[in-house]
Amino acid sequence: MGAPVTHWQIVTKQPDKLVEFYTRLFGWTMNDKNPLRYRTMQTGAGRGIDGGIWPAPAEANGFVQLHVEVDDVRARVELALGLGAKVVIPPQRLPAGDEMAVLHDPDGIPFALHSPAQ
C-alpha cells in the first residue's frame, strides 16, 4: 500500500480566524458537521489533498502537521519509537472508527499516523 500523505492539519490557537483567512485568501470551504466539530478544509482544486484546522492546546504554538495513512497504526508507532520518535497522542479510535496517533519525529516535528475505519 505504501504510506501516502492523505491530509494536512493546521493546529492553531485561533482556528476560526484561520478558517476565515484561508477561505477568503484561497476560496477554500470549511465544514465542521462531524462528531468532533473538526473544521475540514476543502480546496476545491480537484488535485492535491484537503486538510483541516484544529485548536491548539494552550501550551503549544501553531504548526502544520501531515497525516500519513498506514495499514497498522500501532505497529507503525512501535517502529517509529524504535527509530527515535516520541508519542504525543497514543493510538486511539476516533468516533467515526478511524485509528490515529500523533508523534514527534527525531527532530521534534509533529506528524500523525492514521488508518481509515474498516
N, C-alpha and C. Protein backbone atom coordinates (compact mmCIF):
# COMPACT_ATOMS: atom_id res chain seq x y z
N MET A 1 0.82 -1.19 0.00
CA MET A 1 0.00 0.00 0.00
C MET A 1 0.86 1.25 0.00
N GLY A 2 2.07 1.23 0.53
CA GLY A 2 2.83 2.46 0.68
C GLY A 2 2.35 3.18 1.92
N ALA A 3 2.63 4.45 1.99
CA ALA A 3 2.19 5.26 3.13
C ALA A 3 1.97 6.68 2.62
N PRO A 4 0.83 6.92 1.95
CA PRO A 4 0.60 8.23 1.35
C PRO A 4 0.24 9.30 2.37
N VAL A 5 0.67 10.52 2.10
CA VAL A 5 0.19 11.68 2.86
C VAL A 5 -1.21 11.95 2.34
N THR A 6 -2.20 11.85 3.22
CA THR A 6 -3.59 11.95 2.78
C THR A 6 -4.32 13.18 3.33
N HIS A 7 -3.65 13.92 4.20
CA HIS A 7 -4.34 15.02 4.87
C HIS A 7 -3.29 15.92 5.50
N TRP A 8 -3.56 17.19 5.58
CA TRP A 8 -2.73 18.12 6.36
C TRP A 8 -3.63 18.75 7.41
N GLN A 9 -3.01 19.24 8.44
CA GLN A 9 -3.78 19.86 9.52
C GLN A 9 -3.01 21.06 10.06
N ILE A 10 -3.69 22.15 10.22
CA ILE A 10 -3.13 23.32 10.87
C ILE A 10 -3.65 23.33 12.30
N VAL A 11 -2.74 23.34 13.26
CA VAL A 11 -3.12 23.39 14.68
C VAL A 11 -2.81 24.80 15.14
N THR A 12 -3.82 25.50 15.65
CA THR A 12 -3.69 26.91 15.96
C THR A 12 -4.53 27.30 17.18
N LYS A 13 -4.10 28.34 17.85
CA LYS A 13 -4.89 28.88 18.96
C LYS A 13 -6.06 29.72 18.47
N GLN A 14 -6.09 30.01 17.15
CA GLN A 14 -7.15 30.85 16.59
C GLN A 14 -7.80 30.14 15.39
N PRO A 15 -8.44 28.99 15.61
CA PRO A 15 -8.97 28.24 14.47
C PRO A 15 -9.99 29.01 13.63
N ASP A 16 -10.90 29.73 14.26
CA ASP A 16 -11.90 30.46 13.49
C ASP A 16 -11.28 31.57 12.65
N LYS A 17 -10.28 32.24 13.20
CA LYS A 17 -9.59 33.29 12.47
C LYS A 17 -8.87 32.71 11.24
N LEU A 18 -8.23 31.55 11.41
CA LEU A 18 -7.53 30.96 10.27
C LEU A 18 -8.48 30.37 9.25
N VAL A 19 -9.63 29.85 9.68
CA VAL A 19 -10.64 29.41 8.72
C VAL A 19 -11.04 30.60 7.85
N GLU A 20 -11.32 31.73 8.47
CA GLU A 20 -11.70 32.92 7.70
C GLU A 20 -10.56 33.35 6.77
N PHE A 21 -9.33 33.34 7.27
CA PHE A 21 -8.18 33.74 6.46
C PHE A 21 -8.06 32.88 5.20
N TYR A 22 -8.04 31.55 5.37
CA TYR A 22 -7.83 30.67 4.22
C TYR A 22 -9.03 30.60 3.29
N THR A 23 -10.23 30.73 3.83
CA THR A 23 -11.39 30.73 2.94
C THR A 23 -11.41 32.01 2.08
N ARG A 24 -11.03 33.11 2.68
CA ARG A 24 -11.00 34.37 1.91
C ARG A 24 -9.81 34.43 0.97
N LEU A 25 -8.66 33.94 1.41
CA LEU A 25 -7.45 34.01 0.60
C LEU A 25 -7.52 33.09 -0.62
N PHE A 26 -7.94 31.84 -0.42
CA PHE A 26 -7.90 30.85 -1.49
C PHE A 26 -9.26 30.39 -1.99
N GLY A 27 -10.35 30.81 -1.34
CA GLY A 27 -11.67 30.34 -1.73
C GLY A 27 -11.96 28.93 -1.25
N TRP A 28 -11.19 28.44 -0.27
CA TRP A 28 -11.45 27.12 0.29
C TRP A 28 -12.77 27.14 1.04
N THR A 29 -13.37 25.98 1.23
CA THR A 29 -14.60 25.89 2.01
C THR A 29 -14.34 25.08 3.27
N MET A 30 -15.13 25.36 4.31
CA MET A 30 -14.98 24.69 5.59
C MET A 30 -16.27 23.96 5.93
N ASN A 31 -16.12 22.78 6.54
CA ASN A 31 -17.26 22.02 7.01
C ASN A 31 -16.90 21.46 8.39
N ASP A 32 -17.74 21.74 9.39
CA ASP A 32 -17.50 21.20 10.73
C ASP A 32 -18.65 20.31 11.20
N LYS A 33 -19.37 19.74 10.24
CA LYS A 33 -20.51 18.86 10.57
C LYS A 33 -20.02 17.43 10.77
N ASN A 34 -19.40 17.17 11.92
CA ASN A 34 -18.89 15.85 12.25
C ASN A 34 -18.87 15.75 13.78
N PRO A 35 -18.72 14.54 14.32
CA PRO A 35 -18.82 14.36 15.78
C PRO A 35 -17.84 15.21 16.60
N LEU A 36 -16.64 15.48 16.07
CA LEU A 36 -15.66 16.27 16.82
C LEU A 36 -15.72 17.76 16.47
N ARG A 37 -16.60 18.13 15.56
CA ARG A 37 -16.70 19.51 15.04
C ARG A 37 -15.34 19.97 14.48
N TYR A 38 -14.64 19.01 13.88
CA TYR A 38 -13.36 19.27 13.23
C TYR A 38 -13.61 20.12 11.98
N ARG A 39 -12.83 21.15 11.82
CA ARG A 39 -13.00 22.06 10.69
C ARG A 39 -12.26 21.49 9.47
N THR A 40 -12.96 20.72 8.64
CA THR A 40 -12.33 20.21 7.43
C THR A 40 -12.28 21.32 6.39
N MET A 41 -11.17 21.36 5.66
CA MET A 41 -10.97 22.40 4.65
C MET A 41 -10.86 21.73 3.28
N GLN A 42 -11.75 22.11 2.37
CA GLN A 42 -11.72 21.58 1.02
C GLN A 42 -11.18 22.66 0.09
N THR A 43 -10.13 22.31 -0.66
CA THR A 43 -9.52 23.29 -1.56
C THR A 43 -10.35 23.46 -2.82
N GLY A 44 -11.10 22.43 -3.21
CA GLY A 44 -11.90 22.50 -4.43
C GLY A 44 -11.07 22.45 -5.70
N ALA A 45 -9.79 22.10 -5.57
CA ALA A 45 -8.89 22.13 -6.71
C ALA A 45 -8.98 20.90 -7.61
N GLY A 46 -9.47 19.78 -7.07
CA GLY A 46 -9.52 18.56 -7.86
C GLY A 46 -8.20 17.81 -7.89
N ARG A 47 -7.16 18.37 -7.32
CA ARG A 47 -5.88 17.67 -7.18
C ARG A 47 -5.24 18.15 -5.88
N GLY A 48 -4.18 17.50 -5.46
CA GLY A 48 -3.61 17.82 -4.16
C GLY A 48 -4.45 17.17 -3.08
N ILE A 49 -4.25 17.58 -1.84
CA ILE A 49 -5.00 16.98 -0.73
C ILE A 49 -5.68 18.08 0.08
N ASP A 50 -6.82 17.73 0.64
CA ASP A 50 -7.54 18.65 1.52
C ASP A 50 -6.99 18.50 2.93
N GLY A 51 -7.46 19.34 3.83
CA GLY A 51 -6.94 19.31 5.19
C GLY A 51 -7.96 19.73 6.22
N GLY A 52 -7.46 20.29 7.30
CA GLY A 52 -8.33 20.70 8.38
C GLY A 52 -7.63 21.64 9.34
N ILE A 53 -8.42 22.23 10.21
CA ILE A 53 -7.91 23.16 11.22
C ILE A 53 -8.44 22.71 12.57
N TRP A 54 -7.53 22.63 13.55
CA TRP A 54 -7.85 22.12 14.88
C TRP A 54 -7.30 23.08 15.93
N PRO A 55 -8.00 23.28 17.05
CA PRO A 55 -7.49 24.15 18.11
C PRO A 55 -6.22 23.59 18.76
N ALA A 56 -5.26 24.45 18.98
CA ALA A 56 -4.02 24.07 19.65
C ALA A 56 -4.22 24.10 21.17
N PRO A 57 -3.55 23.21 21.88
CA PRO A 57 -3.57 23.31 23.34
C PRO A 57 -2.92 24.62 23.79
N ALA A 58 -3.26 25.07 24.96
CA ALA A 58 -2.76 26.36 25.47
C ALA A 58 -1.23 26.43 25.47
N GLU A 59 -0.57 25.31 25.74
CA GLU A 59 0.89 25.32 25.86
C GLU A 59 1.61 25.19 24.51
N ALA A 60 0.88 25.01 23.41
CA ALA A 60 1.52 24.77 22.11
C ALA A 60 1.47 26.00 21.21
N ASN A 61 2.49 26.13 20.40
CA ASN A 61 2.48 27.11 19.32
C ASN A 61 1.76 26.49 18.14
N GLY A 62 1.34 27.31 17.18
CA GLY A 62 0.72 26.79 15.98
C GLY A 62 1.72 26.00 15.15
N PHE A 63 1.21 25.04 14.38
CA PHE A 63 2.08 24.25 13.50
C PHE A 63 1.23 23.56 12.43
N VAL A 64 1.90 23.07 11.41
CA VAL A 64 1.25 22.29 10.36
C VAL A 64 1.70 20.84 10.53
N GLN A 65 0.77 19.93 10.36
CA GLN A 65 1.04 18.52 10.61
C GLN A 65 0.56 17.70 9.41
N LEU A 66 1.39 16.77 8.95
CA LEU A 66 1.00 15.86 7.89
C LEU A 66 0.38 14.60 8.49
N HIS A 67 -0.63 14.07 7.82
CA HIS A 67 -1.26 12.81 8.22
C HIS A 67 -0.90 11.76 7.18
N VAL A 68 -0.31 10.67 7.64
CA VAL A 68 0.15 9.60 6.76
C VAL A 68 -0.70 8.36 7.02
N GLU A 69 -1.27 7.81 5.95
CA GLU A 69 -2.11 6.62 6.08
C GLU A 69 -1.24 5.37 6.10
N VAL A 70 -1.47 4.51 7.08
CA VAL A 70 -0.74 3.24 7.21
C VAL A 70 -1.74 2.12 7.46
N ASP A 71 -1.32 0.87 7.20
CA ASP A 71 -2.20 -0.28 7.42
C ASP A 71 -2.44 -0.56 8.89
N ASP A 72 -1.41 -0.37 9.72
CA ASP A 72 -1.48 -0.74 11.13
C ASP A 72 -0.84 0.38 11.97
N VAL A 73 -1.66 1.22 12.56
CA VAL A 73 -1.17 2.37 13.32
C VAL A 73 -0.28 1.91 14.47
N ARG A 74 -0.73 0.95 15.25
CA ARG A 74 0.04 0.53 16.43
C ARG A 74 1.41 -0.04 16.04
N ALA A 75 1.47 -0.85 15.01
CA ALA A 75 2.75 -1.41 14.58
C ALA A 75 3.68 -0.30 14.07
N ARG A 76 3.13 0.67 13.36
CA ARG A 76 3.96 1.75 12.83
C ARG A 76 4.44 2.67 13.94
N VAL A 77 3.62 2.86 14.98
CA VAL A 77 4.06 3.65 16.14
C VAL A 77 5.25 2.95 16.80
N GLU A 78 5.18 1.65 16.97
CA GLU A 78 6.28 0.90 17.58
C GLU A 78 7.56 1.03 16.74
N LEU A 79 7.43 0.95 15.44
CA LEU A 79 8.58 1.12 14.55
C LEU A 79 9.15 2.53 14.69
N ALA A 80 8.27 3.52 14.70
CA ALA A 80 8.71 4.92 14.83
C ALA A 80 9.45 5.14 16.15
N LEU A 81 8.95 4.56 17.23
CA LEU A 81 9.62 4.69 18.53
C LEU A 81 11.04 4.12 18.46
N GLY A 82 11.18 2.99 17.81
CA GLY A 82 12.49 2.39 17.66
C GLY A 82 13.44 3.22 16.81
N LEU A 83 12.88 4.10 15.99
CA LEU A 83 13.68 4.97 15.13
C LEU A 83 13.91 6.34 15.75
N GLY A 84 13.46 6.54 17.00
CA GLY A 84 13.73 7.79 17.70
C GLY A 84 12.56 8.75 17.82
N ALA A 85 11.36 8.34 17.40
CA ALA A 85 10.18 9.20 17.54
C ALA A 85 9.68 9.19 18.98
N LYS A 86 8.83 10.15 19.30
CA LYS A 86 8.17 10.21 20.61
C LYS A 86 6.66 10.32 20.39
N VAL A 87 5.90 9.63 21.21
CA VAL A 87 4.44 9.65 21.09
C VAL A 87 3.89 10.89 21.78
N VAL A 88 3.05 11.62 21.08
CA VAL A 88 2.33 12.77 21.65
C VAL A 88 0.92 12.33 22.04
N ILE A 89 0.23 11.65 21.14
CA ILE A 89 -1.10 11.10 21.40
C ILE A 89 -1.04 9.63 20.99
N PRO A 90 -1.21 8.70 21.94
CA PRO A 90 -1.10 7.28 21.61
C PRO A 90 -2.22 6.84 20.66
N PRO A 91 -2.04 5.70 20.01
CA PRO A 91 -3.08 5.21 19.10
C PRO A 91 -4.44 5.15 19.79
N GLN A 92 -5.45 5.61 19.05
CA GLN A 92 -6.81 5.61 19.58
C GLN A 92 -7.81 5.61 18.45
N ARG A 93 -9.00 5.11 18.74
CA ARG A 93 -10.11 5.10 17.78
C ARG A 93 -10.84 6.43 17.87
N LEU A 94 -11.14 7.00 16.73
CA LEU A 94 -11.93 8.23 16.66
C LEU A 94 -13.41 7.86 16.52
N PRO A 95 -14.32 8.81 16.75
CA PRO A 95 -15.75 8.47 16.72
C PRO A 95 -16.23 7.81 15.43
N ALA A 96 -15.65 8.16 14.29
CA ALA A 96 -16.08 7.57 13.02
C ALA A 96 -15.41 6.22 12.75
N GLY A 97 -14.54 5.76 13.67
CA GLY A 97 -13.91 4.45 13.53
C GLY A 97 -12.48 4.47 13.02
N ASP A 98 -11.99 5.61 12.54
CA ASP A 98 -10.60 5.70 12.13
C ASP A 98 -9.70 5.50 13.34
N GLU A 99 -8.48 5.02 13.13
CA GLU A 99 -7.49 4.95 14.20
C GLU A 99 -6.42 5.98 13.91
N MET A 100 -5.90 6.64 14.95
CA MET A 100 -4.94 7.70 14.76
C MET A 100 -3.98 7.76 15.93
N ALA A 101 -2.76 8.23 15.66
CA ALA A 101 -1.76 8.53 16.69
C ALA A 101 -0.99 9.75 16.21
N VAL A 102 -0.47 10.53 17.15
CA VAL A 102 0.36 11.69 16.80
C VAL A 102 1.72 11.49 17.45
N LEU A 103 2.77 11.76 16.69
CA LEU A 103 4.14 11.58 17.17
C LEU A 103 4.97 12.80 16.83
N HIS A 104 6.14 12.88 17.44
CA HIS A 104 7.18 13.82 17.05
C HIS A 104 8.29 12.98 16.42
N ASP A 105 8.78 13.40 15.26
CA ASP A 105 9.91 12.69 14.67
C ASP A 105 11.18 13.02 15.47
N PRO A 106 12.33 12.43 15.15
CA PRO A 106 13.53 12.70 15.94
C PRO A 106 13.96 14.17 15.99
N ASP A 107 13.46 14.98 15.04
CA ASP A 107 13.77 16.41 15.05
C ASP A 107 12.71 17.23 15.77
N GLY A 108 11.70 16.55 16.33
CA GLY A 108 10.64 17.25 17.05
C GLY A 108 9.49 17.72 16.19
N ILE A 109 9.46 17.33 14.91
CA ILE A 109 8.39 17.75 14.01
C ILE A 109 7.20 16.81 14.18
N PRO A 110 6.00 17.37 14.44
CA PRO A 110 4.84 16.51 14.65
C PRO A 110 4.29 15.94 13.34
N PHE A 111 3.79 14.71 13.42
CA PHE A 111 3.09 14.09 12.31
C PHE A 111 2.08 13.11 12.88
N ALA A 112 1.10 12.75 12.08
CA ALA A 112 0.07 11.82 12.53
C ALA A 112 0.08 10.58 11.64
N LEU A 113 -0.21 9.46 12.25
CA LEU A 113 -0.44 8.21 11.53
C LEU A 113 -1.92 7.91 11.65
N HIS A 114 -2.52 7.44 10.56
CA HIS A 114 -3.94 7.09 10.66
C HIS A 114 -4.24 5.91 9.76
N SER A 115 -5.29 5.21 10.12
CA SER A 115 -5.82 4.10 9.35
C SER A 115 -7.32 4.29 9.29
N PRO A 116 -7.90 4.32 8.07
CA PRO A 116 -9.34 4.54 7.98
C PRO A 116 -10.16 3.40 8.59
N ALA A 117 -11.36 3.71 8.99
CA ALA A 117 -12.27 2.70 9.54
C ALA A 117 -12.46 1.59 8.51
N GLN A 118 -12.56 0.38 8.99
CA GLN A 118 -12.70 -0.77 8.08
C GLN A 118 -14.13 -0.98 7.71
